[in-house]
Amino acid sequence: MKHNLSKLIDVKSLITLASTLIFGYLSLKGSISSEQFLTIFTTIVAFYFGTQHQKKNS
């Protein structure tokens, strides 16, 4: 359990979570459109899981 928690507090994880929260807030506020949010969110999540997959296979 502690190992999973320490992995969650990784810098990339924090950046991913913070970016998701920020862009979600901007989308709800109306500063960016839902299409822009979806594009940004998809890119961030794909990059995060892509690097995790790459790290796991190395």
C-alpha atoms as a PDB file:
ATOM      1  CA  MET A   1       0.000   0.000   0.000  1.00  0.00           C
ATOM      2  CA  LYS A   2       2.776   2.447   0.904  1.00  0.00           C
ATOM      3  CA  HIS A   3       4.587   1.647  -2.344  1.00  0.00           C
ATOM      4  CA  ASN A   4       1.475   2.491  -4.385  1.00  0.00           C
ATOM      5  CA  LEU A   5       1.020   5.717  -2.432  1.00  0.00           C
ATOM      6  CA  SER A   6       4.638   6.723  -2.994  1.00  0.00           C
ATOM      7  CA  LYS A   7       4.226   6.081  -6.730  1.00  0.00           C
ATOM      8  CA  LEU A   8       1.147   8.324  -6.739  1.00  0.00           C
ATOM      9  CA  ILE A   9       3.166  11.185  -5.293  1.00  0.00           C
ATOM     10  CA  ASP A  10       5.618  11.013  -8.198  1.00  0.00           C
ATOM     11  CA  VAL A  11       6.270  14.344  -9.949  1.00  0.00           C
ATOM     12  CA  LYS A  12       4.666  13.202 -13.207  1.00  0.00           C
ATOM     13  CA  SER A  13       1.588  12.055 -11.321  1.00  0.00           C
ATOM     14  CA  LEU A  14       1.280  15.373  -9.524  1.00  0.00           C
ATOM     15  CA  ILE A  15       1.664  17.308 -12.772  1.00  0.00           C
ATOM     16  CA  THR A  16      -0.947  15.108 -14.450  1.00  0.00           C
ATOM     17  CA  LEU A  17      -3.427  15.545 -11.599  1.00  0.00           C
ATOM     18  CA  ALA A  18      -2.803  19.295 -11.317  1.00  0.00           C
ATOM     19  CA  SER A  19      -3.167  19.808 -15.074  1.00  0.00           C
ATOM     20  CA  THR A  20      -6.388  17.816 -15.105  1.00  0.00           C
ATOM     21  CA  LEU A  21      -7.830  19.849 -12.234  1.00  0.00           C
ATOM     22  CA  ILE A  22      -6.758  23.191 -13.724  1.00  0.00           C
ATOM     23  CA  PHE A  23      -8.070  22.498 -17.214  1.00  0.00           C
ATOM     24  CA  GLY A  24     -11.251  20.983 -15.763  1.00  0.00           C
ATOM     25  CA  TYR A  25     -11.814  24.165 -13.749  1.00  0.00           C
ATOM     26  CA  LEU A  26     -11.147  26.348 -16.805  1.00  0.00           C
ATOM     27  CA  SER A  27     -13.596  24.276 -18.822  1.00  0.00           C
ATOM     28  CA  LEU A  28     -16.315  24.560 -16.173  1.00  0.00           C
ATOM     29  CA  LYS A  29     -15.659  28.280 -15.831  1.00  0.00           C
ATOM     30  CA  GLY A  30     -16.058  28.716 -19.578  1.00  0.00           C
ATOM     31  CA  SER A  31     -12.540  29.957 -20.297  1.00  0.00           C
ATOM     32  CA  ILE A  32     -11.908  27.046 -22.648  1.00  0.00           C
ATOM     33  CA  SER A  33     -14.369  24.962 -24.609  1.00  0.00           C
ATOM     34  CA  SER A  34     -15.158  21.364 -23.796  1.00  0.00           C
ATOM     35  CA  GLU A  35     -13.486  20.300 -27.057  1.00  0.00           C
ATOM     36  CA  GLN A  36     -10.260  22.042 -26.031  1.00  0.00           C
ATOM     37  CA  PHE A  37     -10.438  20.414 -22.601  1.00  0.00           C
ATOM     38  CA  LEU A  38     -10.953  16.981 -24.116  1.00  0.00           C
ATOM     39  CA  THR A  39      -7.988  17.441 -26.462  1.00  0.00           C
ATOM     40  CA  ILE A  40      -5.692  18.653 -23.678  1.00  0.00           C
ATOM     41  CA  PHE A  41      -6.857  16.000 -21.203  1.00  0.00           C
ATOM     42  CA  THR A  42      -6.465  13.177 -23.736  1.00  0.00           C
ATOM     43  CA  THR A  43      -2.950  14.339 -24.598  1.00  0.00           C
ATOM     44  CA  ILE A  44      -1.894  14.561 -20.951  1.00  0.00           C
ATOM     45  CA  VAL A  45      -3.337  11.176 -20.003  1.00  0.00           C
ATOM     46  CA  ALA A  46      -1.962   9.456 -23.113  1.00  0.00           C
ATOM     47  CA  PHE A  47       1.502  10.845 -22.421  1.00  0.00           C
ATOM     48  CA  TYR A  48       1.359   9.826 -18.761  1.00  0.00           C
ATOM     49  CA  PHE A  49       0.214   6.264 -19.413  1.00  0.00           C
ATOM     50  CA  GLY A  50       2.546   5.961 -22.403  1.00  0.00           C
ATOM     51  CA  THR A  51       5.565   6.829 -20.279  1.00  0.00           C
ATOM     52  CA  GLN A  52       4.381   4.477 -17.513  1.00  0.00           C
ATOM     53  CA  HIS A  53       4.025   1.646 -20.043  1.00  0.00           C
ATOM     54  CA  GLN A  54       7.442   2.423 -21.524  1.00  0.00           C
ATOM     55  CA  LYS A  55       9.032   2.464 -18.060  1.00  0.00           C
ATOM     56  CA  LYS A  56       7.370  -0.848 -17.174  1.00  0.00           C
ATOM     57  CA  ASN A  57       8.664  -2.570 -20.316  1.00  0.00           C
ATOM     58  CA  SER A  58      12.225  -1.275 -19.899  1.00  0.00           C
END
